[in-house]
C-alpha atoms as a PDB file:
ATOM      1  CA  UNK A   1     143.133  92.063  31.335  1.00  0.00           C
ATOM      2  CA  UNK A   2     143.633  95.598  32.718  1.00  0.00           C
ATOM      3  CA  UNK A   3     142.814  95.005  36.365  1.00  0.00           C
ATOM      4  CA  UNK A   4     146.462  94.503  37.413  1.00  0.00           C
ATOM      5  CA  UNK A   5     149.626  96.571  37.175  1.00  0.00           C
ATOM      6  CA  UNK A   6     150.689 100.173  37.824  1.00  0.00           C
ATOM      7  CA  UNK A   7     147.852 101.759  35.840  1.00  0.00           C
ATOM      8  CA  UNK A   8     145.130  99.907  37.727  1.00  0.00           C
ATOM      9  CA  UNK A   9     146.723 100.774  41.075  1.00  0.00           C
ATOM     10  CA  UNK A  10     146.238 104.473  40.345  1.00  0.00           C
ATOM     11  CA  UNK A  11     142.487 104.017  40.037  1.00  0.00           C
ATOM     12  CA  UNK A  12     141.645 102.277  43.294  1.00  0.00           C
ATOM     13  CA  UNK A  13     141.209 103.311  46.919  1.00  0.00           C
ATOM     14  CA  UNK A  14     141.614  99.802  48.223  1.00  0.00           C
ATOM     15  CA  UNK A  15     143.077  99.918  51.726  1.00  0.00           C
ATOM     16  CA  UNK A  16     142.395 103.662  52.114  1.00  0.00           C
ATOM     17  CA  UNK A  17     140.363 105.231  54.915  1.00  0.00           C
ATOM     18  CA  UNK A  18     138.043 108.216  54.598  1.00  0.00           C
ATOM     19  CA  UNK A  19     135.934 110.562  56.707  1.00  0.00           C
ATOM     20  CA  UNK A  20     132.993 112.232  54.969  1.00  0.00           C
ATOM     21  CA  UNK A  21     130.919 114.848  56.809  1.00  0.00           C
ATOM     22  CA  UNK A  22     127.239 115.348  56.045  1.00  0.00           C
ATOM     23  CA  UNK A  23     127.091 111.786  54.755  1.00  0.00           C
ATOM     24  CA  UNK A  24     123.419 110.857  54.596  1.00  0.00           C
ATOM     25  CA  UNK A  25     121.875 112.980  51.838  1.00  0.00           C
ATOM     26  CA  UNK A  26     122.537 114.356  48.398  1.00  0.00           C
ATOM     27  CA  UNK A  27     126.170 114.948  47.503  1.00  0.00           C
ATOM     28  CA  UNK A  28     127.513 113.588  50.801  1.00  0.00           C
ATOM     29  CA  UNK A  29     125.755 110.238  50.435  1.00  0.00           C
ATOM     30  CA  UNK A  30     126.905 109.979  46.818  1.00  0.00           C
ATOM     31  CA  UNK A  31     130.501 110.657  47.891  1.00  0.00           C
ATOM     32  CA  UNK A  32     130.387 107.924  50.530  1.00  0.00           C
ATOM     33  CA  UNK A  33     129.072 105.435  47.984  1.00  0.00           C
ATOM     34  CA  UNK A  34     131.643 106.462  45.361  1.00  0.00           C
ATOM     35  CA  UNK A  35     134.535 106.023  47.801  1.00  0.00           C
ATOM     36  CA  UNK A  36     133.168 102.685  49.002  1.00  0.00           C
ATOM     37  CA  UNK A  37     132.806 101.558  45.418  1.00  0.00           C
ATOM     38  CA  UNK A  38     136.486 102.288  44.831  1.00  0.00           C
ATOM     39  CA  UNK A  39     137.503 100.172  47.812  1.00  0.00           C
ATOM     40  CA  UNK A  40     137.854 102.684  50.649  1.00  0.00           C
ATOM     41  CA  UNK A  41     136.689 102.124  54.206  1.00  0.00           C
ATOM     42  CA  UNK A  42     134.524 105.108  55.130  1.00  0.00           C
ATOM     43  CA  UNK A  43     133.576 106.805  58.383  1.00  0.00           C
ATOM     44  CA  UNK A  44     130.263 108.640  57.920  1.00  0.00           C
ATOM     45  CA  UNK A  45     128.763 111.309  60.137  1.00  0.00           C
ATOM     46  CA  UNK A  46     125.627 113.439  60.267  1.00  0.00           C
ATOM     47  CA  UNK A  47     123.557 115.312  62.846  1.00  0.00           C
ATOM     48  CA  UNK A  48     120.477 113.108  62.510  1.00  0.00           C
ATOM     49  CA  UNK A  49     120.741 109.765  64.291  1.00  0.00           C
ATOM     50  CA  UNK A  50     117.808 108.292  62.351  1.00  0.00           C
ATOM     51  CA  UNK A  51     119.189 109.365  58.956  1.00  0.00           C
ATOM     52  CA  UNK A  52     122.648 108.054  59.833  1.00  0.00           C
ATOM     53  CA  UNK A  53     121.424 104.684  61.068  1.00  0.00           C
ATOM     54  CA  UNK A  54     119.247 104.250  57.982  1.00  0.00           C
ATOM     55  CA  UNK A  55     122.250 104.806  55.710  1.00  0.00           C
ATOM     56  CA  UNK A  56     124.627 102.719  57.815  1.00  0.00           C
ATOM     57  CA  UNK A  57     122.189  99.809  57.806  1.00  0.00           C
ATOM     58  CA  UNK A  58     121.764 100.106  54.033  1.00  0.00           C
ATOM     59  CA  UNK A  59     125.519 100.110  53.407  1.00  0.00           C
ATOM     60  CA  UNK A  60     126.317  97.352  55.906  1.00  0.00           C
ATOM     61  CA  UNK A  61     123.583  95.108  54.508  1.00  0.00           C
ATOM     62  CA  UNK A  62     125.430  95.399  51.194  1.00  0.00           C
ATOM     63  CA  UNK A  63     128.605  94.243  52.908  1.00  0.00           C
ATOM     64  CA  UNK A  64     130.363  97.581  52.604  1.00  0.00           C
ATOM     65  CA  UNK A  65     133.119  98.591  55.082  1.00  0.00           C
ATOM     66  CA  UNK A  66     131.543 101.612  56.743  1.00  0.00           C
ATOM     67  CA  UNK A  67     131.542 103.093  60.238  1.00  0.00           C
ATOM     68  CA  UNK A  68     129.789 106.148  61.595  1.00  0.00           C
ATOM     69  CA  UNK A  69     128.510 108.303  64.415  1.00  0.00           C
ATOM     70  CA  UNK A  70     126.333 111.351  64.890  1.00  0.00           C
ATOM     71  CA  UNK A  71     128.185 114.654  64.988  1.00  0.00           C
ATOM     72  CA  UNK A  72     127.352 118.340  64.742  1.00  0.00           C
ATOM     73  CA  UNK A  73     130.537 119.674  63.190  1.00  0.00           C
ATOM     74  CA  UNK A  74     129.496 123.266  63.844  1.00  0.00           C
ATOM     75  CA  UNK A  75     130.327 122.636  67.525  1.00  0.00           C
ATOM     76  CA  UNK A  76     133.915 122.312  68.746  1.00  0.00           C
ATOM     77  CA  UNK A  77     133.331 119.590  71.321  1.00  0.00           C
ATOM     78  CA  UNK A  78     131.530 117.511  68.701  1.00  0.00           C
ATOM     79  CA  UNK A  79     134.373 117.988  66.203  1.00  0.00           C
ATOM     80  CA  UNK A  80     136.960 116.908  68.766  1.00  0.00           C
ATOM     81  CA  UNK A  81     134.913 113.852  69.725  1.00  0.00           C
ATOM     82  CA  UNK A  82     134.403 112.931  66.074  1.00  0.00           C
ATOM     83  CA  UNK A  83     138.118 113.040  65.321  1.00  0.00           C
ATOM     84  CA  UNK A  84     138.842 110.981  68.421  1.00  0.00           C
ATOM     85  CA  UNK A  85     136.460 108.271  67.193  1.00  0.00           C
ATOM     86  CA  UNK A  86     137.934 108.389  63.697  1.00  0.00           C
ATOM     87  CA  UNK A  87     141.453 108.056  65.097  1.00  0.00           C
ATOM     88  CA  UNK A  88     140.429 105.077  67.207  1.00  0.00           C
ATOM     89  CA  UNK A  89     138.637 103.430  64.300  1.00  0.00           C
ATOM     90  CA  UNK A  90     141.513 103.868  61.842  1.00  0.00           C
ATOM     91  CA  UNK A  91     144.434 103.411  64.255  1.00  0.00           C
ATOM     92  CA  UNK A  92     145.640 107.006  64.187  1.00  0.00           C
ATOM     93  CA  UNK A  93     145.760 107.408  60.410  1.00  0.00           C
ATOM     94  CA  UNK A  94     143.403 108.921  57.857  1.00  0.00           C
ATOM     95  CA  UNK A  95     143.892 108.937  54.087  1.00  0.00           C
ATOM     96  CA  UNK A  96     140.931 111.071  53.011  1.00  0.00           C
ATOM     97  CA  UNK A  97     138.892 113.895  54.561  1.00  0.00           C
ATOM     98  CA  UNK A  98     135.895 115.271  52.692  1.00  0.00           C
ATOM     99  CA  UNK A  99     134.417 118.444  54.200  1.00  0.00           C
ATOM    100  CA  UNK A 100     130.922 118.249  52.742  1.00  0.00           C
ATOM    101  CA  UNK A 101     128.781 119.925  55.418  1.00  0.00           C
ATOM    102  CA  UNK A 102     127.212 123.146  54.223  1.00  0.00           C
ATOM    103  CA  UNK A 103     124.054 125.230  54.297  1.00  0.00           C
ATOM    104  CA  UNK A 104     122.583 128.470  53.036  1.00  0.00           C
ATOM    105  CA  UNK A 105     120.189 131.244  53.997  1.00  0.00           C
ATOM    106  CA  UNK A 106     118.910 133.262  51.034  1.00  0.00           C
ATOM    107  CA  UNK A 107     118.209 136.928  51.732  1.00  0.00           C
ATOM    108  CA  UNK A 108     119.054 140.327  50.327  1.00  0.00           C
ATOM    109  CA  UNK A 109     122.315 141.473  51.886  1.00  0.00           C
ATOM    110  CA  UNK A 110     120.718 144.258  53.948  1.00  0.00           C
ATOM    111  CA  UNK A 111     118.355 141.733  55.562  1.00  0.00           C
ATOM    112  CA  UNK A 112     121.034 139.434  56.981  1.00  0.00           C
ATOM    113  CA  UNK A 113     121.381 139.472  60.756  1.00  0.00           C
ATOM    114  CA  UNK A 114     124.539 138.993  62.805  1.00  0.00           C
ATOM    115  CA  UNK A 115     123.154 135.577  63.723  1.00  0.00           C
ATOM    116  CA  UNK A 116     122.786 134.638  60.039  1.00  0.00           C
ATOM    117  CA  UNK A 117     126.393 135.648  59.429  1.00  0.00           C
ATOM    118  CA  UNK A 118     127.716 133.597  62.348  1.00  0.00           C
ATOM    119  CA  UNK A 119     125.559 130.598  61.470  1.00  0.00           C
ATOM    120  CA  UNK A 120     126.682 130.465  57.842  1.00  0.00           C
ATOM    121  CA  UNK A 121     130.372 130.960  58.583  1.00  0.00           C
ATOM    122  CA  UNK A 122     130.412 128.458  61.448  1.00  0.00           C
ATOM    123  CA  UNK A 123     128.667 125.838  59.314  1.00  0.00           C
ATOM    124  CA  UNK A 124     130.450 126.331  56.001  1.00  0.00           C
ATOM    125  CA  UNK A 125     133.916 127.632  56.904  1.00  0.00           C
ATOM    126  CA  UNK A 126     134.786 127.122  60.568  1.00  0.00           C
ATOM    127  CA  UNK A 127     133.704 123.474  60.545  1.00  0.00           C
ATOM    128  CA  UNK A 128     135.955 122.657  57.584  1.00  0.00           C
ATOM    129  CA  UNK A 129     138.897 124.693  58.886  1.00  0.00           C
ATOM    130  CA  UNK A 130     138.837 123.123  62.340  1.00  0.00           C
ATOM    131  CA  UNK A 131     138.347 119.600  61.012  1.00  0.00           C
ATOM    132  CA  UNK A 132     141.347 120.127  58.739  1.00  0.00           C
ATOM    133  CA  UNK A 133     143.385 121.189  61.762  1.00  0.00           C
ATOM    134  CA  UNK A 134     142.165 118.321  63.934  1.00  0.00           C
ATOM    135  CA  UNK A 135     142.710 115.766  61.177  1.00  0.00           C
ATOM    136  CA  UNK A 136     146.221 117.010  60.345  1.00  0.00           C
ATOM    137  CA  UNK A 137     148.114 114.515  62.570  1.00  0.00           C
ATOM    138  CA  UNK A 138     146.100 111.597  61.157  1.00  0.00           C
ATOM    139  CA  UNK A 139     146.528 112.751  57.561  1.00  0.00           C
ATOM    140  CA  UNK A 140     150.250 113.324  58.061  1.00  0.00           C
ATOM    141  CA  UNK A 141     150.646 109.841  59.563  1.00  0.00           C
ATOM    142  CA  UNK A 142     149.027 108.322  56.489  1.00  0.00           C
ATOM    143  CA  UNK A 143     151.985 109.521  54.410  1.00  0.00           C
ATOM    144  CA  UNK A 144     150.016 110.403  51.277  1.00  0.00           C
ATOM    145  CA  UNK A 145     146.578 111.830  51.947  1.00  0.00           C
ATOM    146  CA  UNK A 146     143.900 114.069  50.472  1.00  0.00           C
ATOM    147  CA  UNK A 147     141.448 116.703  51.705  1.00  0.00           C
ATOM    148  CA  UNK A 148     138.555 117.807  49.498  1.00  0.00           C
ATOM    149  CA  UNK A 149     136.347 120.755  50.434  1.00  0.00           C
ATOM    150  CA  UNK A 150     132.898 120.705  48.822  1.00  0.00           C
ATOM    151  CA  UNK A 151     132.490 124.349  47.905  1.00  0.00           C
ATOM    152  CA  UNK A 152     130.215 125.989  45.309  1.00  0.00           C
ATOM    153  CA  UNK A 153     130.440 127.894  42.060  1.00  0.00           C
ATOM    154  CA  UNK A 154     129.010 130.738  44.175  1.00  0.00           C
ATOM    155  CA  UNK A 155     132.552 131.116  45.508  1.00  0.00           C
ATOM    156  CA  UNK A 156     133.822 131.665  41.973  1.00  0.00           C
ATOM    157  CA  UNK A 157     131.223 133.977  40.440  1.00  0.00           C
ATOM    158  CA  UNK A 158     128.083 135.864  41.472  1.00  0.00           C
ATOM    159  CA  UNK A 159     124.985 133.672  41.103  1.00  0.00           C
ATOM    160  CA  UNK A 160     122.277 135.193  43.287  1.00  0.00           C
ATOM    161  CA  UNK A 161     122.760 132.695  46.105  1.00  0.00           C
ATOM    162  CA  UNK A 162     123.276 135.262  48.842  1.00  0.00           C
ATOM    163  CA  UNK A 163     126.408 137.284  49.567  1.00  0.00           C
ATOM    164  CA  UNK A 164     127.368 135.492  52.805  1.00  0.00           C
ATOM    165  CA  UNK A 165     127.118 132.035  51.241  1.00  0.00           C
ATOM    166  CA  UNK A 166     129.291 133.229  48.357  1.00  0.00           C
ATOM    167  CA  UNK A 167     131.864 134.638  50.784  1.00  0.00           C
ATOM    168  CA  UNK A 168     131.926 131.338  52.675  1.00  0.00           C
ATOM    169  CA  UNK A 169     132.505 129.281  49.555  1.00  0.00           C
ATOM    170  CA  UNK A 170     135.213 131.629  48.303  1.00  0.00           C
ATOM    171  CA  UNK A 171     136.886 131.215  51.701  1.00  0.00           C
ATOM    172  CA  UNK A 172     136.757 127.421  51.307  1.00  0.00           C
ATOM    173  CA  UNK A 173     138.461 127.708  47.925  1.00  0.00           C
ATOM    174  CA  UNK A 174     141.202 129.896  49.385  1.00  0.00           C
ATOM    175  CA  UNK A 175     141.551 127.450  52.270  1.00  0.00           C
ATOM    176  CA  UNK A 176     142.317 124.729  49.744  1.00  0.00           C
ATOM    177  CA  UNK A 177     144.847 126.888  47.907  1.00  0.00           C
ATOM    178  CA  UNK A 178     146.707 127.890  51.049  1.00  0.00           C
ATOM    179  CA  UNK A 179     146.680 124.522  52.803  1.00  0.00           C
ATOM    180  CA  UNK A 180     147.538 122.794  49.543  1.00  0.00           C
ATOM    181  CA  UNK A 181     150.767 124.799  49.476  1.00  0.00           C
ATOM    182  CA  UNK A 182     151.484 124.738  53.217  1.00  0.00           C
ATOM    183  CA  UNK A 183     150.863 121.023  53.731  1.00  0.00           C
ATOM    184  CA  UNK A 184     152.348 119.654  50.497  1.00  0.00           C
ATOM    185  CA  UNK A 185     155.617 118.949  52.319  1.00  0.00           C
ATOM    186  CA  UNK A 186     153.682 116.642  54.656  1.00  0.00           C
ATOM    187  CA  UNK A 187     152.233 114.588  51.813  1.00  0.00           C
ATOM    188  CA  UNK A 188     148.770 116.121  52.224  1.00  0.00           C
ATOM    189  CA  UNK A 189     146.986 117.328  49.102  1.00  0.00           C
ATOM    190  CA  UNK A 190     144.124 119.833  49.536  1.00  0.00           C
ATOM    191  CA  UNK A 191     141.621 120.728  46.826  1.00  0.00           C
ATOM    192  CA  UNK A 192     138.061 121.943  46.469  1.00  0.00           C
ATOM    193  CA  UNK A 193     135.180 121.238  44.108  1.00  0.00           C
ATOM    194  CA  UNK A 194     132.572 123.837  43.212  1.00  0.00           C
ATOM    195  CA  UNK A 195     129.230 122.542  41.941  1.00  0.00           C
ATOM    196  CA  UNK A 196     126.499 124.616  40.269  1.00  0.00           C
ATOM    197  CA  UNK A 197     122.914 123.473  40.875  1.00  0.00           C
ATOM    198  CA  UNK A 198     122.739 119.756  41.663  1.00  0.00           C
ATOM    199  CA  UNK A 199     119.654 117.588  42.134  1.00  0.00           C
ATOM    200  CA  UNK A 200     119.915 117.269  45.921  1.00  0.00           C
ATOM    201  CA  UNK A 201     116.962 117.627  48.317  1.00  0.00           C
ATOM    202  CA  UNK A 202     117.874 121.313  48.806  1.00  0.00           C
ATOM    203  CA  UNK A 203     118.505 121.820  45.090  1.00  0.00           C
ATOM    204  CA  UNK A 204     115.165 120.320  44.131  1.00  0.00           C
ATOM    205  CA  UNK A 205     113.410 122.640  46.573  1.00  0.00           C
ATOM    206  CA  UNK A 206     114.991 125.742  45.019  1.00  0.00           C
ATOM    207  CA  UNK A 207     114.437 124.512  41.463  1.00  0.00           C
ATOM    208  CA  UNK A 208     110.775 123.725  42.098  1.00  0.00           C
ATOM    209  CA  UNK A 209     110.194 127.335  41.044  1.00  0.00           C
ATOM    210  CA  UNK A 210     109.713 126.754  37.310  1.00  0.00           C
ATOM    211  CA  UNK A 211     110.746 130.250  36.281  1.00  0.00           C
ATOM    212  CA  UNK A 212     113.968 130.001  38.279  1.00  0.00           C
ATOM    213  CA  UNK A 213     114.634 126.504  36.937  1.00  0.00           C
ATOM    214  CA  UNK A 214     114.346 127.797  33.373  1.00  0.00           C
ATOM    215  CA  UNK A 215     116.723 130.664  34.223  1.00  0.00           C
ATOM    216  CA  UNK A 216     119.279 128.185  35.595  1.00  0.00           C
ATOM    217  CA  UNK A 217     119.018 125.936  32.527  1.00  0.00           C
ATOM    218  CA  UNK A 218     119.236 129.003  30.294  1.00  0.00           C
ATOM    219  CA  UNK A 219     122.603 129.925  31.838  1.00  0.00           C
ATOM    220  CA  UNK A 220     124.017 126.397  31.650  1.00  0.00           C
ATOM    221  CA  UNK A 221     125.662 125.373  28.351  1.00  0.00           C
ATOM    222  CA  UNK A 222     124.913 121.684  28.947  1.00  0.00           C
ATOM    223  CA  UNK A 223     121.247 122.603  29.436  1.00  0.00           C
ATOM    224  CA  UNK A 224     120.644 120.446  32.486  1.00  0.00           C
ATOM    225  CA  UNK A 225     121.083 120.294  36.255  1.00  0.00           C
ATOM    226  CA  UNK A 226     123.871 118.091  37.635  1.00  0.00           C
ATOM    227  CA  UNK A 227     123.455 114.863  39.589  1.00  0.00           C
ATOM    228  CA  UNK A 228     125.079 114.064  42.969  1.00  0.00           C
ATOM    229  CA  UNK A 229     127.139 111.226  41.469  1.00  0.00           C
ATOM    230  CA  UNK A 230     128.750 113.712  39.068  1.00  0.00           C
ATOM    231  CA  UNK A 231     130.136 115.656  42.009  1.00  0.00           C
ATOM    232  CA  UNK A 232     131.047 112.484  43.882  1.00  0.00           C
ATOM    233  CA  UNK A 233     133.119 111.109  41.002  1.00  0.00           C
ATOM    234  CA  UNK A 234     135.172 114.312  40.847  1.00  0.00           C
ATOM    235  CA  UNK A 235     135.740 114.227  44.610  1.00  0.00           C
ATOM    236  CA  UNK A 236     136.825 110.605  44.335  1.00  0.00           C
ATOM    237  CA  UNK A 237     139.255 111.431  41.514  1.00  0.00           C
ATOM    238  CA  UNK A 238     140.947 114.003  43.746  1.00  0.00           C
ATOM    239  CA  UNK A 239     141.397 111.270  46.367  1.00  0.00           C
ATOM    240  CA  UNK A 240     142.856 108.703  43.969  1.00  0.00           C
ATOM    241  CA  UNK A 241     146.577 108.093  43.403  1.00  0.00           C
ATOM    242  CA  UNK A 242     145.829 109.088  39.784  1.00  0.00           C
ATOM    243  CA  UNK A 243     145.565 112.729  40.926  1.00  0.00           C
ATOM    244  CA  UNK A 244     148.779 112.637  42.987  1.00  0.00           C
ATOM    245  CA  UNK A 245     150.207 115.843  41.433  1.00  0.00           C
ATOM    246  CA  UNK A 246     147.081 117.968  41.938  1.00  0.00           C
ATOM    247  CA  UNK A 247     146.855 120.211  44.994  1.00  0.00           C
ATOM    248  CA  UNK A 248     145.631 123.697  45.859  1.00  0.00           C
ATOM    249  CA  UNK A 249     143.088 123.605  43.051  1.00  0.00           C
ATOM    250  CA  UNK A 250     139.379 124.230  42.636  1.00  0.00           C
ATOM    251  CA  UNK A 251     137.391 122.250  40.074  1.00  0.00           C
ATOM    252  CA  UNK A 252     134.036 123.646  38.981  1.00  0.00           C
ATOM    253  CA  UNK A 253     131.323 121.071  38.277  1.00  0.00           C
ATOM    254  CA  UNK A 254     128.777 123.235  36.559  1.00  0.00           C
ATOM    255  CA  UNK A 255     127.924 122.147  33.031  1.00  0.00           C
ATOM    256  CA  UNK A 256     129.905 125.097  31.696  1.00  0.00           C
ATOM    257  CA  UNK A 257     128.109 127.785  33.732  1.00  0.00           C
ATOM    258  CA  UNK A 258     131.214 129.554  35.063  1.00  0.00           C
ATOM    259  CA  UNK A 259     132.951 129.344  31.676  1.00  0.00           C
ATOM    260  CA  UNK A 260     130.099 130.787  29.613  1.00  0.00           C
ATOM    261  CA  UNK A 261     130.524 134.483  30.412  1.00  0.00           C
ATOM    262  CA  UNK A 262     129.020 136.360  27.465  1.00  0.00           C
ATOM    263  CA  UNK A 263     128.954 133.250  25.278  1.00  0.00           C
ATOM    264  CA  UNK A 264     125.552 133.221  23.509  1.00  0.00           C
ATOM    265  CA  UNK A 265     123.590 130.278  24.875  1.00  0.00           C
ATOM    266  CA  UNK A 266     120.376 130.734  22.911  1.00  0.00           C
ATOM    267  CA  UNK A 267     119.860 128.254  20.091  1.00  0.00           C
END
């Protein structure tokens, strides 16, 4: 009996459009499926044509409203072309932009090269910043829209993930704070989410080291690693009308890791 009325309307994305970058694996794929499940029409993109087509075929066979194209969002011409296709697909309006693309290189700080620095910032920060700029007219035209940057708890606290990666994720969080304030008058909300270790292909690779896995679990109050759908549901919440008064914020999705501090975690 609760599927109609003002409360139900706050918990649906029916009629909304979304662009999700890095859409074919891990957190990105989970976000696409969460948004689709809530009624949105999604435009997916990834660098790999084979990965993208596999996902698009899977979603379309299920009757889901999804579009997509290959795109390397670290390159300006590719970003411009992507936004052109999105604009054409959604008639010049976009309700949701999820900047999910990201990567890492793990090294001691003194071992990073200038190329490492440029690669990490162009992938994690520049791609999101420029896509936000390019999407601005479409998001503004939508009237009430949402940007979510997929950041990391590394941008909140030191976690041995590499200094450049941490700097990039902190920059993404500040991007959300600043744009959330600057663009509020245009009806555009901007937030970020910061996961701790999540069972993605990259996460599983890192956590295959049993000693490191036990260290991670030992620092996590909930005593487990997160799942992609747990990040995706938080991203989706920030896109829903139910979160209409939330902007400029960062939500950590970390099983209590960033809150623990000196809290004794041993049983």
